[in-house]
Each structure stands twice: as C-alpha cells, then as structure tokens.
Amino acid sequence: MSSDKTQTEKMILEGISYAKLEKHKDAISFFDKALKQDPSNIDALYNKGISLLKLKKNKDAVSCFEKIIEYKQDHVDALNNLGNYYAESQQFEKAVTYYDRALSNNPNYLPSLYNKGIATIRLERYDDALDCLNKVLDKEPDNIQAIYHKGLVMGKQKKHGEAISFFDKVLEKEPDNNEALFYKATEISELGKHQDAIQIFDKILKEFPKNGTVIYAKARSKAQLGEDNDALILLAQAISHYGKTIKNWAIKDSSFDKLKGDPKFKTIVK
C-alpha cells in the first residue's frame, strides 16, 4: 500500500473518530484533507456527507452524495440519502426514483424499503407503501415505525379494525406513544365509537391541552354525537391554535354537515 493511500485512510479514520464524538466540523476538516489527496475517495465523500447532514448543511451533503454516484452508480447508501433529501423537500416522486435505484442494486436494503414506504404514503400510493412496509416487517417484525405506518395505511384504506390492531402493537411496546394513541382514537371514531374515542382524546389533551389537531378530532366526535354546542366550542378552540388549516378542514368535513347551516359555525370558520 502506497504511503499516500495509507495517509488518506488515516485521515478518514481520524475524521470518523471525531464524527463519533459529534464533532462534525473537525471531522469534515479531516475528510477534506483526505479528499485533497484523493478527490474521488468514496469513504471520505460519504462520511463528509453524513457529517454535513448532522450540521444541517443538506445541500452540501447532497453534493457529496451526487459525486459518489458519479464514481459508483450502485452506492445504495448515497442513493438512499439523496432520496431522503428530496423527501424532506416534499419532492416525493423524485425521492422514490432514488429509493428505487438503491433497491434495484439491493432489493433487500431496508432503509430504502422503509423510506420508499413513507414516501409512497405521501403520494397516496397505498399498495406500494404496504408492499415496502411488509418487506421491512418480514425482516424486522418488531420495527415500531414500520408497524405504525402500516397502521396509517390501513386507516387510509378504510380498514379501521386492522389499523387499530397495528396501533395497539405499537402501544404494547411504547405505551406513551401519543401519535399511535391519537390515530387509534381516530380509527375508533371512524367505527362510530365516539365516546370511546373522546376518552382517548381527553387523555392526550391532559398532557397537551393546546394540541389543535386533537381538539379538532374531539370536536368531530362531539358533532357526530349531536352535542352541537360542545362541538362548536371545541372547533373554535382548535382554530385558535391552528387557524386557517383547521378552518379548511372543518368546511370540507362531513362530520359537521348538520352544523354548517348554523350561524355560529359560519362565524367560527369565516
């Protein structure tokens, strides 16, 4: 092994040591020294990209990952990170193309299977999402995030009972997971069990009294139960926290159909 190559590897190892200590600026300085000696060094580029991500310098990180793909088109970690960048930028179609490229090189690469699952939920391609999440769960049956997102997909597909069973699995492992608890309650309300749903919403609101989404969900259930005054008070509260978003939801929401002619409802959402 040439002395230059040995020096480059030592610099990369030094950088990795700093990265493990979360000293990413120091880490990058070593990766840059390595890249000065060997500009196409994949390890230096990749580790520099990861440290840049940790420093929230996402565009600079993307440059590193794109350079890697120029040198090594089948680098699944770089492809996956490029997918993540576009997913975070809400460009889900583009993100999926990178996840697919990673999976064409390694069909069992779990990070891209999982990430593609999440991106395809956002694209409302629920069968694709289930296919990805099921493959993740085949390999990692206790993957809480995959179980949680499978519950979300079941809910989107109107399979409310199945959705509840997945949220229950999450809550067995993580009893304090309020997101899973909230979505379990929304699925219970979809089954028409509004009193049961309200009990769960109240439990969450004890801890997060200003959560507009939960207040709104409780207002929906109150409206479905015909408790119009409570529903309107809660809807006004939710709007005071989340404003225009909640107004737009309420205007389109069939849960409030019986109230939409009420002057109080019109005043609240105008």
C-alpha atoms as a PDB file:
ATOM      1  CA  MET A   1       0.000   0.000   0.000  1.00  0.00           C
ATOM      2  CA  SER A   2       1.409   3.361  -1.007  1.00  0.00           C
ATOM      3  CA  SER A   3       2.208   5.876   1.720  1.00  0.00           C
ATOM      4  CA  ASP A   4      -0.271   8.374   0.154  1.00  0.00           C
ATOM      5  CA  LYS A   5      -3.060   5.823   0.360  1.00  0.00           C
ATOM      6  CA  THR A   6      -2.110   4.993   3.950  1.00  0.00           C
ATOM      7  CA  GLN A   7      -2.154   8.709   4.825  1.00  0.00           C
ATOM      8  CA  THR A   8      -5.581   9.149   3.210  1.00  0.00           C
ATOM      9  CA  GLU A   9      -7.031   6.223   5.153  1.00  0.00           C
ATOM     10  CA  LYS A  10      -5.574   7.530   8.409  1.00  0.00           C
ATOM     11  CA  MET A  11      -7.194  10.924   7.799  1.00  0.00           C
ATOM     12  CA  ILE A  12     -10.567   9.279   7.099  1.00  0.00           C
ATOM     13  CA  LEU A  13     -10.320   7.184  10.294  1.00  0.00           C
ATOM     14  CA  GLU A  14      -9.396  10.309  12.248  1.00  0.00           C
ATOM     15  CA  GLY A  15     -12.431  12.102  10.774  1.00  0.00           C
ATOM     16  CA  ILE A  16     -14.709   9.176  11.666  1.00  0.00           C
ATOM     17  CA  SER A  17     -13.416   9.299  15.253  1.00  0.00           C
ATOM     18  CA  TYR A  18     -14.407  12.974  15.510  1.00  0.00           C
ATOM     19  CA  ALA A  19     -17.775  12.254  13.885  1.00  0.00           C
ATOM     20  CA  LYS A  20     -18.474   9.591  16.527  1.00  0.00           C
ATOM     21  CA  LEU A  21     -17.866  12.277  19.153  1.00  0.00           C
ATOM     22  CA  GLU A  22     -20.369  14.535  17.279  1.00  0.00           C
ATOM     23  CA  LYS A  23     -17.503  16.914  16.443  1.00  0.00           C
ATOM     24  CA  HIS A  24     -18.567  17.152  12.818  1.00  0.00           C
ATOM     25  CA  LYS A  25     -16.710  20.340  11.854  1.00  0.00           C
ATOM     26  CA  ASP A  26     -13.449  18.734  12.969  1.00  0.00           C
ATOM     27  CA  ALA A  27     -14.437  15.522  11.200  1.00  0.00           C
ATOM     28  CA  ILE A  28     -15.055  17.387   7.936  1.00  0.00           C
ATOM     29  CA  SER A  29     -11.632  19.036   8.089  1.00  0.00           C
ATOM     30  CA  PHE A  30     -10.042  15.552   8.062  1.00  0.00           C
ATOM     31  CA  PHE A  31     -12.320  14.297   5.274  1.00  0.00           C
ATOM     32  CA  ASP A  32     -11.365  17.393   3.252  1.00  0.00           C
ATOM     33  CA  LYS A  33      -7.652  16.666   3.770  1.00  0.00           C
ATOM     34  CA  ALA A  34      -8.240  13.115   2.545  1.00  0.00           C
ATOM     35  CA  LEU A  35     -10.155  14.424  -0.482  1.00  0.00           C
ATOM     36  CA  LYS A  36      -7.333  16.824  -1.323  1.00  0.00           C
ATOM     37  CA  GLN A  37      -5.093  13.783  -1.734  1.00  0.00           C
ATOM     38  CA  ASP A  38      -7.750  11.588  -3.351  1.00  0.00           C
ATOM     39  CA  PRO A  39     -10.731  13.623  -4.719  1.00  0.00           C
ATOM     40  CA  SER A  40     -12.696  10.512  -5.712  1.00  0.00           C
ATOM     41  CA  ASN A  41     -12.364   8.700  -2.380  1.00  0.00           C
ATOM     42  CA  ILE A  42     -15.842   7.235  -1.753  1.00  0.00           C
ATOM     43  CA  ASP A  43     -15.380   6.749   2.019  1.00  0.00           C
ATOM     44  CA  ALA A  44     -14.247  10.342   2.530  1.00  0.00           C
ATOM     45  CA  LEU A  45     -17.093  11.717   0.413  1.00  0.00           C
ATOM     46  CA  TYR A  46     -19.710   9.581   2.142  1.00  0.00           C
ATOM     47  CA  ASN A  47     -18.572  10.335   5.687  1.00  0.00           C
ATOM     48  CA  LYS A  48     -18.263  14.034   4.844  1.00  0.00           C
ATOM     49  CA  GLY A  49     -21.840  13.909   3.517  1.00  0.00           C
ATOM     50  CA  ILE A  50     -23.106  12.326   6.731  1.00  0.00           C
ATOM     51  CA  SER A  51     -21.320  14.923   8.893  1.00  0.00           C
ATOM     52  CA  LEU A  52     -22.768  17.716   6.742  1.00  0.00           C
ATOM     53  CA  LEU A  53     -26.247  16.258   7.293  1.00  0.00           C
ATOM     54  CA  LYS A  54     -25.644  16.325  11.033  1.00  0.00           C
ATOM     55  CA  LEU A  55     -24.725  20.014  10.713  1.00  0.00           C
ATOM     56  CA  LYS A  56     -27.983  20.596   8.730  1.00  0.00           C
ATOM     57  CA  LYS A  57     -25.952  21.542   5.649  1.00  0.00           C
ATOM     58  CA  ASN A  58     -28.153  19.386   3.464  1.00  0.00           C
ATOM     59  CA  LYS A  59     -27.319  20.908   0.070  1.00  0.00           C
ATOM     60  CA  ASP A  60     -23.589  20.490   0.690  1.00  0.00           C
ATOM     61  CA  ALA A  61     -24.231  16.904   1.767  1.00  0.00           C
ATOM     62  CA  VAL A  62     -26.182  16.259  -1.444  1.00  0.00           C
ATOM     63  CA  SER A  63     -23.156  17.441  -3.461  1.00  0.00           C
ATOM     64  CA  CYS A  64     -21.074  14.738  -1.748  1.00  0.00           C
ATOM     65  CA  PHE A  65     -23.640  12.022  -2.432  1.00  0.00           C
ATOM     66  CA  GLU A  66     -24.026  13.113  -6.073  1.00  0.00           C
ATOM     67  CA  LYS A  67     -20.252  12.923  -6.550  1.00  0.00           C
ATOM     68  CA  ILE A  68     -20.291   9.397  -5.124  1.00  0.00           C
ATOM     69  CA  ILE A  69     -22.958   8.369  -7.675  1.00  0.00           C
ATOM     70  CA  GLU A  70     -20.771   9.749 -10.471  1.00  0.00           C
ATOM     71  CA  TYR A  71     -17.971   7.418  -9.374  1.00  0.00           C
ATOM     72  CA  LYS A  72     -20.080   4.495  -8.132  1.00  0.00           C
ATOM     73  CA  GLN A  73     -23.621   4.351  -9.518  1.00  0.00           C
ATOM     74  CA  ASP A  74     -24.706   1.462  -7.291  1.00  0.00           C
ATOM     75  CA  HIS A  75     -23.767   3.046  -3.934  1.00  0.00           C
ATOM     76  CA  VAL A  76     -27.033   2.302  -2.114  1.00  0.00           C
ATOM     77  CA  ASP A  77     -26.322   4.458   0.960  1.00  0.00           C
ATOM     78  CA  ALA A  78     -25.664   7.543  -1.177  1.00  0.00           C
ATOM     79  CA  LEU A  79     -28.758   6.852  -3.318  1.00  0.00           C
ATOM     80  CA  ASN A  80     -30.862   6.442  -0.171  1.00  0.00           C
ATOM     81  CA  ASN A  81     -29.585   9.725   1.274  1.00  0.00           C
ATOM     82  CA  LEU A  82     -30.366  11.529  -1.976  1.00  0.00           C
ATOM     83  CA  GLY A  83     -33.877  10.095  -1.748  1.00  0.00           C
ATOM     84  CA  ASN A  84     -34.167  11.386   1.820  1.00  0.00           C
ATOM     85  CA  TYR A  85     -33.103  14.867   0.726  1.00  0.00           C
ATOM     86  CA  TYR A  86     -35.861  15.040  -1.886  1.00  0.00           C
ATOM     87  CA  ALA A  87     -38.416  13.548   0.521  1.00  0.00           C
ATOM     88  CA  GLU A  88     -37.581  16.256   3.070  1.00  0.00           C
ATOM     89  CA  SER A  89     -38.025  18.809   0.260  1.00  0.00           C
ATOM     90  CA  GLN A  90     -41.532  17.352  -0.340  1.00  0.00           C
ATOM     91  CA  GLN A  91     -40.419  16.083  -3.774  1.00  0.00           C
ATOM     92  CA  PHE A  92     -41.704  12.585  -3.152  1.00  0.00           C
ATOM     93  CA  GLU A  93     -41.754  11.362  -6.766  1.00  0.00           C
ATOM     94  CA  LYS A  94     -38.087  12.270  -7.158  1.00  0.00           C
ATOM     95  CA  ALA A  95     -37.290  10.693  -3.781  1.00  0.00           C
ATOM     96  CA  VAL A  96     -38.890   7.417  -4.897  1.00  0.00           C
ATOM     97  CA  THR A  97     -36.714   7.323  -8.039  1.00  0.00           C
ATOM     98  CA  TYR A  98     -33.609   7.319  -5.824  1.00  0.00           C
ATOM     99  CA  TYR A  99     -35.020   4.701  -3.457  1.00  0.00           C
ATOM    100  CA  ASP A 100     -35.855   2.562  -6.491  1.00  0.00           C
ATOM    101  CA  ARG A 101     -32.311   2.944  -7.802  1.00  0.00           C
ATOM    102  CA  ALA A 102     -30.961   1.800  -4.441  1.00  0.00           C
ATOM    103  CA  LEU A 103     -33.388  -1.155  -4.405  1.00  0.00           C
ATOM    104  CA  SER A 104     -32.509  -2.150  -7.977  1.00  0.00           C
ATOM    105  CA  ASN A 105     -28.958  -2.680  -6.671  1.00  0.00           C
ATOM    106  CA  ASN A 106     -30.043  -4.295  -3.394  1.00  0.00           C
ATOM    107  CA  PRO A 107     -33.745  -5.340  -3.242  1.00  0.00           C
ATOM    108  CA  ASN A 108     -33.448  -6.116   0.496  1.00  0.00           C
ATOM    109  CA  TYR A 109     -31.914  -2.780   1.500  1.00  0.00           C
ATOM    110  CA  LEU A 110     -34.165  -1.959   4.449  1.00  0.00           C
ATOM    111  CA  PRO A 111     -33.561   1.812   4.761  1.00  0.00           C
ATOM    112  CA  SER A 112     -34.749   2.395   1.183  1.00  0.00           C
ATOM    113  CA  LEU A 113     -37.649  -0.047   1.527  1.00  0.00           C
ATOM    114  CA  TYR A 114     -38.822   1.800   4.629  1.00  0.00           C
ATOM    115  CA  ASN A 115     -38.233   5.271   3.189  1.00  0.00           C
ATOM    116  CA  LYS A 116     -39.979   4.377  -0.073  1.00  0.00           C
ATOM    117  CA  GLY A 117     -42.894   3.131   2.038  1.00  0.00           C
ATOM    118  CA  ILE A 118     -43.190   6.516   3.764  1.00  0.00           C
ATOM    119  CA  ALA A 119     -42.815   8.487   0.503  1.00  0.00           C
ATOM    120  CA  THR A 120     -45.491   6.418  -1.259  1.00  0.00           C
ATOM    121  CA  ILE A 121     -47.893   7.047   1.653  1.00  0.00           C
ATOM    122  CA  ARG A 122     -47.411  10.767   0.966  1.00  0.00           C
ATOM    123  CA  LEU A 123     -48.111  10.089  -2.722  1.00  0.00           C
ATOM    124  CA  GLU A 124     -51.277   8.173  -1.697  1.00  0.00           C
ATOM    125  CA  ARG A 125     -49.948   5.023  -3.384  1.00  0.00           C
ATOM    126  CA  TYR A 126     -51.045   2.811  -0.539  1.00  0.00           C
ATOM    127  CA  ASP A 127     -50.496  -0.587  -2.195  1.00  0.00           C
ATOM    128  CA  ASP A 128     -46.883   0.350  -2.958  1.00  0.00           C
ATOM    129  CA  ALA A 129     -46.466   1.561   0.611  1.00  0.00           C
ATOM    130  CA  LEU A 130     -47.821  -1.706   2.030  1.00  0.00           C
ATOM    131  CA  ASP A 131     -45.552  -3.745  -0.233  1.00  0.00           C
ATOM    132  CA  CYS A 132     -42.491  -1.868   1.111  1.00  0.00           C
ATOM    133  CA  LEU A 133     -43.571  -1.925   4.763  1.00  0.00           C
ATOM    134  CA  ASN A 134     -44.408  -5.646   4.619  1.00  0.00           C
ATOM    135  CA  LYS A 135     -40.921  -6.388   3.264  1.00  0.00           C
ATOM    136  CA  VAL A 136     -39.407  -4.399   6.137  1.00  0.00           C
ATOM    137  CA  LEU A 137     -41.576  -6.258   8.669  1.00  0.00           C
ATOM    138  CA  ASP A 138     -40.632  -9.627   7.150  1.00  0.00           C
ATOM    139  CA  LYS A 139     -37.020  -8.855   8.081  1.00  0.00           C
ATOM    140  CA  GLU A 140     -37.716  -6.806  11.232  1.00  0.00           C
ATOM    141  CA  PRO A 141     -41.066  -7.875  12.707  1.00  0.00           C
ATOM    142  CA  ASP A 142     -40.611  -5.549  15.720  1.00  0.00           C
ATOM    143  CA  ASN A 143     -39.852  -2.410  13.692  1.00  0.00           C
ATOM    144  CA  ILE A 144     -42.123   0.034  15.537  1.00  0.00           C
ATOM    145  CA  GLN A 145     -42.050   2.738  12.867  1.00  0.00           C
ATOM    146  CA  ALA A 146     -42.979   0.262  10.128  1.00  0.00           C
ATOM    147  CA  ILE A 147     -45.840  -1.119  12.277  1.00  0.00           C
ATOM    148  CA  TYR A 148     -47.055   2.429  12.988  1.00  0.00           C
ATOM    149  CA  HIS A 149     -47.019   3.443   9.330  1.00  0.00           C
ATOM    150  CA  LYS A 150     -48.741   0.222   8.330  1.00  0.00           C
ATOM    151  CA  GLY A 151     -51.499   1.232  10.752  1.00  0.00           C
ATOM    152  CA  LEU A 152     -51.750   4.598   8.981  1.00  0.00           C
ATOM    153  CA  VAL A 153     -52.063   2.872   5.596  1.00  0.00           C
ATOM    154  CA  MET A 154     -54.786   0.541   6.893  1.00  0.00           C
ATOM    155  CA  GLY A 155     -56.693   3.600   8.094  1.00  0.00           C
ATOM    156  CA  LYS A 156     -56.336   5.278   4.678  1.00  0.00           C
ATOM    157  CA  GLN A 157     -57.716   2.100   3.103  1.00  0.00           C
ATOM    158  CA  LYS A 158     -60.724   2.238   5.463  1.00  0.00           C
ATOM    159  CA  LYS A 159     -59.608  -0.981   7.204  1.00  0.00           C
ATOM    160  CA  HIS A 160     -60.255   0.584  10.586  1.00  0.00           C
ATOM    161  CA  GLY A 161     -60.198  -2.581  12.707  1.00  0.00           C
ATOM    162  CA  GLU A 162     -56.852  -3.663  11.234  1.00  0.00           C
ATOM    163  CA  ALA A 163     -55.460  -0.149  11.707  1.00  0.00           C
ATOM    164  CA  ILE A 164     -56.396  -0.269  15.408  1.00  0.00           C
ATOM    165  CA  SER A 165     -54.634  -3.624  15.812  1.00  0.00           C
ATOM    166  CA  PHE A 166     -51.391  -2.144  14.430  1.00  0.00           C
ATOM    167  CA  PHE A 167     -51.588   0.911  16.698  1.00  0.00           C
ATOM    168  CA  ASP A 168     -52.205  -1.468  19.622  1.00  0.00           C
ATOM    169  CA  LYS A 169     -48.978  -3.314  18.713  1.00  0.00           C
ATOM    170  CA  VAL A 170     -47.108  -0.011  18.837  1.00  0.00           C
ATOM    171  CA  LEU A 171     -48.705   0.880  22.181  1.00  0.00           C
ATOM    172  CA  GLU A 172     -47.751  -2.516  23.673  1.00  0.00           C
ATOM    173  CA  LYS A 173     -44.100  -1.609  23.073  1.00  0.00           C
ATOM    174  CA  GLU A 174     -44.437   2.157  23.607  1.00  0.00           C
ATOM    175  CA  PRO A 175     -47.381   2.928  25.923  1.00  0.00           C
ATOM    176  CA  ASP A 176     -46.558   6.655  25.858  1.00  0.00           C
ATOM    177  CA  ASN A 177     -46.615   6.929  22.065  1.00  0.00           C
ATOM    178  CA  ASN A 178     -49.236   9.668  21.761  1.00  0.00           C
ATOM    179  CA  GLU A 179     -49.244   9.656  17.960  1.00  0.00           C
ATOM    180  CA  ALA A 180     -50.216   5.972  17.898  1.00  0.00           C
ATOM    181  CA  LEU A 181     -52.780   6.655  20.635  1.00  0.00           C
ATOM    182  CA  PHE A 182     -54.255   9.567  18.666  1.00  0.00           C
ATOM    183  CA  TYR A 183     -54.567   7.584  15.447  1.00  0.00           C
ATOM    184  CA  LYS A 184     -56.050   4.642  17.335  1.00  0.00           C
ATOM    185  CA  ALA A 185     -58.719   7.038  18.657  1.00  0.00           C
ATOM    186  CA  THR A 186     -59.418   8.445  15.185  1.00  0.00           C
ATOM    187  CA  GLU A 187     -59.909   4.906  13.854  1.00  0.00           C
ATOM    188  CA  ILE A 188     -62.246   4.134  16.787  1.00  0.00           C
ATOM    189  CA  SER A 189     -64.245   7.259  15.864  1.00  0.00           C
ATOM    190  CA  GLU A 190     -64.398   6.051  12.235  1.00  0.00           C
ATOM    191  CA  LEU A 191     -66.121   2.926  13.591  1.00  0.00           C
ATOM    192  CA  GLY A 192     -68.720   5.195  15.210  1.00  0.00           C
ATOM    193  CA  LYS A 193     -67.491   4.620  18.784  1.00  0.00           C
ATOM    194  CA  HIS A 194     -67.255   8.311  19.546  1.00  0.00           C
ATOM    195  CA  GLN A 195     -67.479   8.136  23.360  1.00  0.00           C
ATOM    196  CA  ASP A 196     -64.533   5.710  23.415  1.00  0.00           C
ATOM    197  CA  ALA A 197     -62.592   7.973  21.055  1.00  0.00           C
ATOM    198  CA  ILE A 198     -63.321  11.060  23.188  1.00  0.00           C
ATOM    199  CA  GLN A 199     -61.956   9.295  26.292  1.00  0.00           C
ATOM    200  CA  ILE A 200     -58.648   8.802  24.455  1.00  0.00           C
ATOM    201  CA  PHE A 201     -58.598  12.366  23.082  1.00  0.00           C
ATOM    202  CA  ASP A 202     -59.131  13.635  26.653  1.00  0.00           C
ATOM    203  CA  LYS A 203     -56.221  11.525  27.884  1.00  0.00           C
ATOM    204  CA  ILE A 204     -53.923  13.120  25.297  1.00  0.00           C
ATOM    205  CA  LEU A 205     -55.280  16.622  25.994  1.00  0.00           C
ATOM    206  CA  LYS A 206     -54.431  16.278  29.687  1.00  0.00           C
ATOM    207  CA  GLU A 207     -50.791  16.216  28.610  1.00  0.00           C
ATOM    208  CA  PHE A 208     -51.088  18.504  25.552  1.00  0.00           C
ATOM    209  CA  PRO A 209     -54.060  20.832  26.220  1.00  0.00           C
ATOM    210  CA  LYS A 210     -53.296  23.111  23.245  1.00  0.00           C
ATOM    211  CA  ASN A 211     -52.949  20.441  20.577  1.00  0.00           C
ATOM    212  CA  GLY A 212     -55.279  21.797  17.880  1.00  0.00           C
ATOM    213  CA  THR A 213     -55.422  18.526  15.916  1.00  0.00           C
ATOM    214  CA  VAL A 214     -56.634  16.544  18.948  1.00  0.00           C
ATOM    215  CA  ILE A 215     -59.129  19.255  19.920  1.00  0.00           C
ATOM    216  CA  TYR A 216     -60.432  19.209  16.344  1.00  0.00           C
ATOM    217  CA  ALA A 217     -60.784  15.416  16.390  1.00  0.00           C
ATOM    218  CA  LYS A 218     -62.743  15.659  19.645  1.00  0.00           C
ATOM    219  CA  ALA A 219     -64.977  18.356  18.066  1.00  0.00           C
ATOM    220  CA  ARG A 220     -65.713  15.982  15.163  1.00  0.00           C
ATOM    221  CA  SER A 221     -66.805  13.229  17.540  1.00  0.00           C
ATOM    222  CA  LYS A 222     -68.942  15.646  19.571  1.00  0.00           C
ATOM    223  CA  ALA A 223     -70.653  16.771  16.357  1.00  0.00           C
ATOM    224  CA  GLN A 224     -71.316  13.149  15.381  1.00  0.00           C
ATOM    225  CA  LEU A 225     -72.891  12.563  18.804  1.00  0.00           C
ATOM    226  CA  GLY A 226     -75.164  15.575  18.276  1.00  0.00           C
ATOM    227  CA  GLU A 227     -73.514  17.551  21.083  1.00  0.00           C
ATOM    228  CA  ASP A 228     -73.552  20.650  18.912  1.00  0.00           C
ATOM    229  CA  ASN A 229     -72.638  23.293  21.470  1.00  0.00           C
ATOM    230  CA  ASP A 230     -69.601  21.336  22.712  1.00  0.00           C
ATOM    231  CA  ALA A 231     -68.575  20.681  19.109  1.00  0.00           C
ATOM    232  CA  LEU A 232     -68.672  24.385  18.230  1.00  0.00           C
ATOM    233  CA  ILE A 233     -66.748  25.430  21.362  1.00  0.00           C
ATOM    234  CA  LEU A 234     -64.041  22.833  20.627  1.00  0.00           C
ATOM    235  CA  LEU A 235     -63.878  23.793  16.959  1.00  0.00           C
ATOM    236  CA  ALA A 236     -63.328  27.446  17.914  1.00  0.00           C
ATOM    237  CA  GLN A 237     -60.566  26.351  20.337  1.00  0.00           C
ATOM    238  CA  ALA A 238     -58.860  24.254  17.656  1.00  0.00           C
ATOM    239  CA  ILE A 239     -58.978  27.167  15.212  1.00  0.00           C
ATOM    240  CA  SER A 240     -57.480  29.492  17.861  1.00  0.00           C
ATOM    241  CA  HIS A 241     -54.427  27.188  17.912  1.00  0.00           C
ATOM    242  CA  TYR A 242     -54.104  26.152  14.254  1.00  0.00           C
ATOM    243  CA  GLY A 243     -56.107  28.820  12.398  1.00  0.00           C
ATOM    244  CA  LYS A 244     -56.659  28.541   8.673  1.00  0.00           C
ATOM    245  CA  THR A 245     -55.698  24.867   8.418  1.00  0.00           C
ATOM    246  CA  ILE A 246     -58.469  23.811  10.820  1.00  0.00           C
ATOM    247  CA  LYS A 247     -60.987  26.144   9.161  1.00  0.00           C
ATOM    248  CA  ASN A 248     -60.311  24.481   5.809  1.00  0.00           C
ATOM    249  CA  TRP A 249     -60.669  21.014   7.344  1.00  0.00           C
ATOM    250  CA  ALA A 250     -63.975  21.919   9.020  1.00  0.00           C
ATOM    251  CA  ILE A 251     -65.514  23.448   5.887  1.00  0.00           C
ATOM    252  CA  LYS A 252     -64.907  20.211   3.938  1.00  0.00           C
ATOM    253  CA  ASP A 253     -65.587  17.775   6.806  1.00  0.00           C
ATOM    254  CA  SER A 254     -68.853  15.819   6.567  1.00  0.00           C
ATOM    255  CA  SER A 255     -68.776  15.367  10.373  1.00  0.00           C
ATOM    256  CA  PHE A 256     -70.013  18.955  10.628  1.00  0.00           C
ATOM    257  CA  ASP A 257     -72.671  18.734   7.889  1.00  0.00           C
ATOM    258  CA  LYS A 258     -75.540  19.184  10.362  1.00  0.00           C
ATOM    259  CA  LEU A 259     -73.867  22.294  11.782  1.00  0.00           C
ATOM    260  CA  LYS A 260     -72.927  24.004   8.537  1.00  0.00           C
ATOM    261  CA  GLY A 261     -76.197  25.923   8.399  1.00  0.00           C
ATOM    262  CA  ASP A 262     -75.715  27.185  11.963  1.00  0.00           C
ATOM    263  CA  PRO A 263     -74.723  30.900  12.069  1.00  0.00           C
ATOM    264  CA  LYS A 264     -72.259  30.095  14.904  1.00  0.00           C
ATOM    265  CA  PHE A 265     -70.454  27.575  12.663  1.00  0.00           C
ATOM    266  CA  LYS A 266     -70.311  30.117   9.818  1.00  0.00           C
ATOM    267  CA  THR A 267     -68.873  32.747  12.180  1.00  0.00           C
ATOM    268  CA  ILE A 268     -66.243  30.339  13.531  1.00  0.00           C
ATOM    269  CA  VAL A 269     -64.930  29.247  10.107  1.00  0.00           C
ATOM    270  CA  LYS A 270     -65.179  32.547   8.184  1.00  0.00           C
END
